[in-house]
Amino acid sequence: MTIFWRRLREQRAALVAAAVVALLALVALAAPLLTVLEGQDPTTYHPDLIDSARGGVPVGPFGGISGEHWLGVEPQTGRDLFARLVYGARVSLGVALAATVVQVAVGVAVGIAAGFGNRWVDQVLSRATDVIVALPLMVLALALMAVVPDGFPRPVLVALVIGLVAWGNMAKIVRARTVTLKELDHVAAARLSGWGPVHIARRELLPALAAPVITYAALLVPTNITVEAALSFLGVGVKPPTPSWGQMLTAADVWYQAAPQYLLLPAGALFVTVLALTVLGDGVRTALDPRAASRLRVGTGRKREARA
């Protein structure tokens, strides 16, 4: 673990990305406190801040930015944009992390069972994994979201749907690694000594699987944020009045000229979050596997070799 942190600290891009992710997580956790400091909340309407004669455009410069509304207000409703943005971070990050936990749990369980089980278990679970991987994620998620009653908590539903539909690649990675590990001497010795499969998996397999699982999980989080935003953008994700970045983008598609900040703020937050998590995930992968060069450095390295 000490070697991992030392290798991670050597990557400046990963450190900057980690700082950005930490700041975003802090903003999401402190959303109630931040909105109290501003004196606003994400659901209260302010019709007096909307110019109805102009179709609902916010009154004042830059979308109604003022000392009371730090990032302006939402067109037509007058809801505070800063409050909705920080509470939207809670939903987007929370759903992505919860979905990743579900993907890791299901993928690791299926992958170990397939790789460590007998030939028939491996065949059945591998074919089921192939089916899951082949299914179109967005189409299946849209179908599942459409049939669940509206009374079910939407953020929880989105996280469960993403996690239960997109665990296939994690299972494939874990199975491939498990097939290699079970041939090693210490695992064979554990089997000959009479240890059960669960005990062997917990004591011998899981520690060796930690590096690939953590690496892939770090790269899953930005993907899940994008999927959550896409589902909310299509109208089947998080429902109003609960704010999310994807939902804000959906409502902003007709205001990009009259009130561009309404579109740029959630889009910018989504872009920065996904970019930071992707860079951090790449840094974690490189730190855990020093033989693999960072994807972020490949192009630069080739250019330097060409100049030399």
Protein backbone atom coordinates (compact mmCIF):
# COMPACT_ATOMS: atom_id res chain seq x y z
CA MET A 1 0.00 0.00 0.00
CA THR A 2 2.89 2.36 0.72
CA ILE A 3 4.33 1.66 -2.74
CA PHE A 4 0.92 2.37 -4.28
CA TRP A 5 0.65 5.80 -2.63
CA ARG A 6 4.20 6.66 -3.63
CA ARG A 7 3.51 5.77 -7.26
CA LEU A 8 0.24 7.69 -7.22
CA ARG A 9 1.93 10.80 -5.79
CA GLU A 10 4.41 10.73 -8.66
CA GLN A 11 1.56 11.40 -11.13
CA ARG A 12 0.70 15.09 -11.01
CA ALA A 13 -2.38 14.76 -13.18
CA ALA A 14 -3.80 12.11 -10.86
CA LEU A 15 -3.13 14.29 -7.80
CA VAL A 16 -4.90 17.26 -9.36
CA ALA A 17 -7.81 15.01 -10.34
CA ALA A 18 -7.96 13.60 -6.80
CA ALA A 19 -8.13 17.14 -5.40
CA VAL A 20 -10.96 18.00 -7.78
CA VAL A 21 -12.87 14.83 -6.87
CA ALA A 22 -12.37 15.51 -3.16
CA LEU A 23 -13.67 19.06 -3.62
CA LEU A 24 -16.73 17.81 -5.52
CA ALA A 25 -17.43 15.22 -2.82
CA LEU A 26 -17.08 17.90 -0.14
CA VAL A 27 -19.49 20.18 -2.00
CA ALA A 28 -22.00 17.34 -2.34
CA LEU A 29 -21.79 16.42 1.35
CA ALA A 30 -21.97 20.05 2.45
CA ALA A 31 -24.85 20.97 0.13
CA PRO A 32 -27.32 21.71 2.99
CA LEU A 33 -24.76 23.92 4.73
CA LEU A 34 -23.82 25.76 1.54
CA THR A 35 -27.44 26.51 0.68
CA VAL A 36 -28.05 27.75 4.24
CA LEU A 37 -25.09 30.10 3.84
CA GLU A 38 -26.60 31.38 0.62
CA GLY A 39 -30.04 31.56 2.19
CA GLN A 40 -31.78 29.55 -0.52
CA ASP A 41 -33.03 26.04 -1.23
CA PRO A 42 -33.36 24.01 -4.47
CA THR A 43 -37.17 23.83 -4.63
CA THR A 44 -38.53 27.29 -3.75
CA TYR A 45 -39.98 29.25 -6.67
CA HIS A 46 -39.22 32.96 -7.07
CA PRO A 47 -41.73 34.30 -9.61
CA ASP A 48 -40.72 37.89 -8.83
CA LEU A 49 -37.27 37.18 -10.35
CA ILE A 50 -38.73 36.08 -13.70
CA ASP A 51 -39.64 38.40 -16.57
CA SER A 52 -42.90 36.85 -17.79
CA ALA A 53 -43.12 39.38 -20.62
CA ARG A 54 -39.95 37.87 -22.14
CA GLY A 55 -41.08 34.26 -21.77
CA GLY A 56 -39.72 33.55 -18.31
CA VAL A 57 -36.14 34.82 -18.66
CA PRO A 58 -34.49 35.71 -15.29
CA VAL A 59 -34.50 39.37 -14.34
CA GLY A 60 -31.11 41.04 -14.02
CA PRO A 61 -27.67 40.54 -15.57
CA PHE A 62 -26.10 37.10 -16.14
CA GLY A 63 -29.24 35.15 -15.39
CA GLY A 64 -30.12 36.99 -12.18
CA ILE A 65 -26.78 36.64 -10.38
CA SER A 66 -26.83 38.60 -7.12
CA GLY A 67 -25.74 38.43 -3.51
CA GLU A 68 -28.81 36.30 -2.74
CA HIS A 69 -28.50 34.05 -5.79
CA TRP A 70 -24.83 33.32 -6.39
CA LEU A 71 -25.26 31.65 -9.79
CA GLY A 72 -28.56 33.20 -10.80
CA VAL A 73 -31.98 31.58 -11.03
CA GLU A 74 -33.70 29.04 -13.22
CA PRO A 75 -35.81 30.33 -16.14
CA GLN A 76 -39.60 30.13 -15.76
CA THR A 77 -39.47 28.98 -12.11
CA GLY A 78 -36.88 31.24 -10.49
CA ARG A 79 -35.41 28.41 -8.44
CA ASP A 80 -31.88 29.05 -7.23
CA LEU A 81 -29.28 27.56 -9.59
CA PHE A 82 -26.50 27.25 -7.02
CA ALA A 83 -28.73 25.26 -4.67
CA ARG A 84 -29.89 22.97 -7.47
CA LEU A 85 -26.33 22.49 -8.73
CA VAL A 86 -24.87 21.43 -5.35
CA TYR A 87 -27.83 19.20 -4.53
CA GLY A 88 -27.56 17.77 -8.05
CA ALA A 89 -23.96 16.81 -7.25
CA ARG A 90 -25.29 14.75 -4.35
CA VAL A 91 -27.64 12.83 -6.63
CA SER A 92 -25.21 12.34 -9.52
CA LEU A 93 -22.23 11.28 -7.38
CA GLY A 94 -24.35 9.24 -4.98
CA VAL A 95 -26.10 7.30 -7.75
CA ALA A 96 -22.80 6.65 -9.56
CA LEU A 97 -21.06 5.39 -6.42
CA ALA A 98 -24.00 3.21 -5.37
CA ALA A 99 -24.25 1.72 -8.86
CA THR A 100 -20.51 1.00 -8.82
CA VAL A 101 -20.82 -0.81 -5.48
CA VAL A 102 -23.60 -2.99 -6.93
CA GLN A 103 -21.57 -3.71 -10.07
CA VAL A 104 -18.50 -4.66 -8.04
CA ALA A 105 -20.46 -6.88 -5.63
CA VAL A 106 -22.32 -8.79 -8.35
CA GLY A 107 -19.38 -8.91 -10.75
CA VAL A 108 -16.91 -10.19 -8.15
CA ALA A 109 -19.36 -12.83 -6.87
CA VAL A 110 -20.21 -14.12 -10.35
CA GLY A 111 -16.60 -13.93 -11.55
CA ILE A 112 -15.20 -15.91 -8.61
CA ALA A 113 -17.99 -18.49 -8.82
CA ALA A 114 -17.37 -18.96 -12.54
CA GLY A 115 -13.60 -19.08 -12.32
CA PHE A 116 -13.41 -21.26 -9.20
CA GLY A 117 -16.37 -23.54 -9.87
CA ASN A 118 -16.56 -26.70 -11.95
CA ARG A 119 -16.89 -26.77 -15.72
CA TRP A 120 -20.70 -26.66 -15.74
CA VAL A 121 -20.90 -23.74 -13.31
CA ASP A 122 -18.32 -21.90 -15.37
CA GLN A 123 -20.21 -22.52 -18.60
CA VAL A 124 -23.58 -21.37 -17.22
CA LEU A 125 -22.24 -18.23 -15.51
CA SER A 126 -19.98 -17.31 -18.44
CA ARG A 127 -22.87 -17.55 -20.93
CA ALA A 128 -25.07 -15.48 -18.61
CA THR A 129 -22.29 -12.89 -18.37
CA ASP A 130 -21.98 -12.81 -22.17
CA VAL A 131 -25.71 -12.11 -22.44
CA ILE A 132 -25.47 -9.26 -19.92
CA VAL A 133 -22.51 -7.72 -21.75
CA ALA A 134 -24.26 -8.01 -25.13
CA LEU A 135 -27.48 -6.33 -23.96
CA PRO A 136 -27.71 -2.61 -24.81
CA LEU A 137 -27.42 -0.84 -21.47
CA MET A 138 -29.51 2.24 -22.24
CA VAL A 139 -32.35 0.31 -23.92
CA LEU A 140 -32.62 -2.19 -21.08
CA ALA A 141 -32.36 0.54 -18.45
CA LEU A 142 -35.09 2.55 -20.18
CA ALA A 143 -37.36 -0.50 -20.23
CA LEU A 144 -36.79 -1.31 -16.55
CA MET A 145 -37.23 2.30 -15.44
CA ALA A 146 -40.51 2.57 -17.34
CA VAL A 147 -42.22 -0.37 -15.59
CA VAL A 148 -41.30 0.47 -11.98
CA PRO A 149 -43.98 2.41 -10.05
CA ASP A 150 -43.33 6.11 -9.50
CA GLY A 151 -43.51 5.65 -5.73
CA PHE A 152 -40.17 3.83 -5.64
CA PRO A 153 -37.31 6.21 -4.68
CA ARG A 154 -35.91 7.27 -8.02
CA PRO A 155 -32.21 7.72 -7.12
CA VAL A 156 -32.17 4.26 -5.52
CA LEU A 157 -33.90 2.80 -8.57
CA VAL A 158 -31.43 4.38 -11.00
CA ALA A 159 -28.47 3.06 -9.00
CA LEU A 160 -29.94 -0.46 -8.84
CA VAL A 161 -30.80 -0.55 -12.54
CA ILE A 162 -27.35 0.62 -13.63
CA GLY A 163 -25.61 -1.74 -11.21
CA LEU A 164 -27.69 -4.82 -12.06
CA VAL A 165 -27.49 -4.28 -15.83
CA ALA A 166 -23.79 -3.40 -16.21
CA TRP A 167 -21.85 -5.88 -14.06
CA GLY A 168 -20.80 -8.13 -16.94
CA ASN A 169 -17.37 -6.67 -17.69
CA MET A 170 -16.40 -6.76 -14.03
CA ALA A 171 -17.38 -10.44 -13.87
CA LYS A 172 -15.28 -11.22 -16.95
CA ILE A 173 -12.21 -9.52 -15.47
CA VAL A 174 -12.60 -11.32 -12.13
CA ARG A 175 -13.21 -14.70 -13.76
CA ALA A 176 -10.10 -14.44 -15.95
CA ARG A 177 -7.96 -13.52 -12.95
CA THR A 178 -9.52 -16.25 -10.79
CA VAL A 179 -8.78 -18.94 -13.39
CA THR A 180 -5.11 -17.94 -13.19
CA LEU A 181 -5.01 -17.70 -9.40
CA LYS A 182 -6.59 -21.09 -8.69
CA GLU A 183 -3.64 -22.82 -10.38
CA LEU A 184 -1.12 -21.28 -7.99
CA ASP A 185 0.48 -23.41 -5.31
CA HIS A 186 -0.94 -21.62 -2.26
CA VAL A 187 -4.52 -21.91 -3.58
CA ALA A 188 -4.02 -25.57 -4.47
CA ALA A 189 -2.60 -26.19 -0.99
CA ALA A 190 -5.63 -24.52 0.58
CA ARG A 191 -7.95 -26.78 -1.42
CA LEU A 192 -6.01 -29.91 -0.45
CA SER A 193 -6.11 -28.90 3.21
CA GLY A 194 -9.90 -29.05 3.14
CA TRP A 195 -10.79 -25.36 3.09
CA GLY A 196 -14.22 -24.57 1.67
CA PRO A 197 -14.70 -22.45 -1.48
CA VAL A 198 -15.94 -19.43 0.50
CA HIS A 199 -12.97 -19.57 2.87
CA ILE A 200 -10.51 -19.91 -0.01
CA ALA A 201 -12.13 -17.03 -1.89
CA ARG A 202 -11.98 -14.78 1.18
CA ARG A 203 -8.45 -15.66 2.31
CA GLU A 204 -6.62 -16.41 -0.96
CA LEU A 205 -8.50 -14.96 -3.95
CA LEU A 206 -9.96 -11.63 -2.83
CA PRO A 207 -6.62 -10.09 -1.71
CA ALA A 208 -5.08 -10.93 -5.09
CA LEU A 209 -8.15 -9.58 -6.92
CA ALA A 210 -8.09 -6.23 -5.11
CA ALA A 211 -5.85 -4.44 -7.63
CA PRO A 212 -7.83 -5.20 -10.83
CA VAL A 213 -11.17 -4.70 -9.07
CA ILE A 214 -10.20 -1.31 -7.62
CA THR A 215 -8.74 -0.24 -10.95
CA TYR A 216 -11.85 -1.08 -12.94
CA ALA A 217 -14.18 0.30 -10.26
CA ALA A 218 -12.38 3.65 -10.41
CA LEU A 219 -13.10 3.78 -14.14
CA LEU A 220 -16.74 2.73 -13.68
CA VAL A 221 -17.71 5.77 -11.59
CA PRO A 222 -17.44 8.38 -14.41
CA THR A 223 -19.25 6.01 -16.77
CA ASN A 224 -22.10 5.64 -14.29
CA ILE A 225 -22.34 9.40 -13.84
CA THR A 226 -22.77 9.74 -17.60
CA VAL A 227 -25.42 7.00 -17.69
CA GLU A 228 -27.37 8.61 -14.84
CA ALA A 229 -27.25 11.96 -16.61
CA ALA A 230 -28.41 10.35 -19.86
CA LEU A 231 -31.34 8.60 -18.16
CA SER A 232 -32.39 11.84 -16.44
CA PHE A 233 -31.96 13.69 -19.74
CA LEU A 234 -34.33 11.18 -21.40
CA GLY A 235 -36.89 11.74 -18.66
CA VAL A 236 -36.78 8.32 -16.96
CA GLY A 237 -34.14 9.05 -14.33
CA VAL A 238 -34.46 11.24 -11.26
CA LYS A 239 -37.81 13.02 -11.24
CA PRO A 240 -38.53 16.65 -10.28
CA PRO A 241 -38.35 18.34 -7.85
CA THR A 242 -35.23 16.32 -6.89
CA PRO A 243 -32.40 18.08 -8.74
CA SER A 244 -29.81 16.23 -10.82
CA TRP A 245 -27.41 17.46 -13.48
CA GLY A 246 -29.01 15.36 -16.21
CA GLN A 247 -32.45 16.65 -15.30
CA MET A 248 -31.16 20.25 -15.40
CA LEU A 249 -29.75 19.63 -18.88
CA THR A 250 -33.13 18.33 -20.01
CA ALA A 251 -34.90 21.47 -18.86
CA ALA A 252 -32.19 23.74 -20.29
CA ASP A 253 -32.29 22.54 -23.90
CA VAL A 254 -34.61 25.37 -24.96
CA TRP A 255 -32.82 28.11 -22.97
CA TYR A 256 -29.28 27.92 -24.36
CA GLN A 257 -29.69 31.27 -26.13
CA ALA A 258 -31.87 33.25 -23.71
CA ALA A 259 -30.19 31.94 -20.52
CA PRO A 260 -26.98 30.10 -21.47
CA GLN A 261 -25.76 29.73 -17.87
CA TYR A 262 -28.69 27.39 -17.21
CA LEU A 263 -27.16 24.94 -19.71
CA LEU A 264 -23.47 25.68 -19.17
CA LEU A 265 -23.45 25.21 -15.38
CA PRO A 266 -24.67 21.57 -15.20
CA ALA A 267 -22.85 20.67 -18.42
CA GLY A 268 -19.60 22.14 -17.08
CA ALA A 269 -20.02 20.39 -13.72
CA LEU A 270 -20.67 17.07 -15.47
CA PHE A 271 -17.66 17.52 -17.77
CA VAL A 272 -15.27 18.41 -14.94
CA THR A 273 -16.48 15.53 -12.76
CA VAL A 274 -16.21 12.89 -15.48
CA LEU A 275 -12.79 14.18 -16.60
CA ALA A 276 -11.40 14.25 -13.05
CA LEU A 277 -12.68 10.76 -12.24
CA THR A 278 -11.32 9.39 -15.51
CA VAL A 279 -7.86 10.87 -14.91
CA LEU A 280 -7.90 9.62 -11.31
CA GLY A 281 -8.94 6.14 -12.43
CA ASP A 282 -6.12 6.09 -14.96
CA GLY A 283 -3.68 7.13 -12.25
CA VAL A 284 -4.91 4.38 -9.92
CA ARG A 285 -4.54 1.82 -12.69
CA THR A 286 -0.98 2.91 -13.41
CA ALA A 287 -0.03 2.95 -9.71
CA LEU A 288 -1.39 -0.54 -9.15
CA ASP A 289 0.22 -1.92 -12.33
CA PRO A 290 3.52 -0.08 -12.96
CA ARG A 291 4.17 -2.19 -16.06
CA ALA A 292 1.26 -0.48 -17.83
CA ALA A 293 1.99 3.04 -19.06
CA SER A 294 -0.60 5.69 -18.39
CA ARG A 295 -2.92 6.26 -21.32
CA LEU A 296 -2.59 9.98 -20.69
CA ARG A 297 1.16 9.85 -21.43
CA VAL A 298 1.20 7.62 -24.49
CA GLY A 299 0.72 10.41 -27.01
CA THR A 300 3.28 12.67 -25.32
CA GLY A 301 5.83 9.89 -25.16
CA ARG A 302 5.47 9.11 -28.84
CA LYS A 303 5.88 12.74 -29.80
CA ARG A 304 9.06 12.98 -27.74
CA GLU A 305 10.43 9.81 -29.38
CA ALA A 306 9.61 11.21 -32.82
CA ARG A 307 11.41 14.47 -32.07
CA ALA A 308 14.44 12.59 -30.75
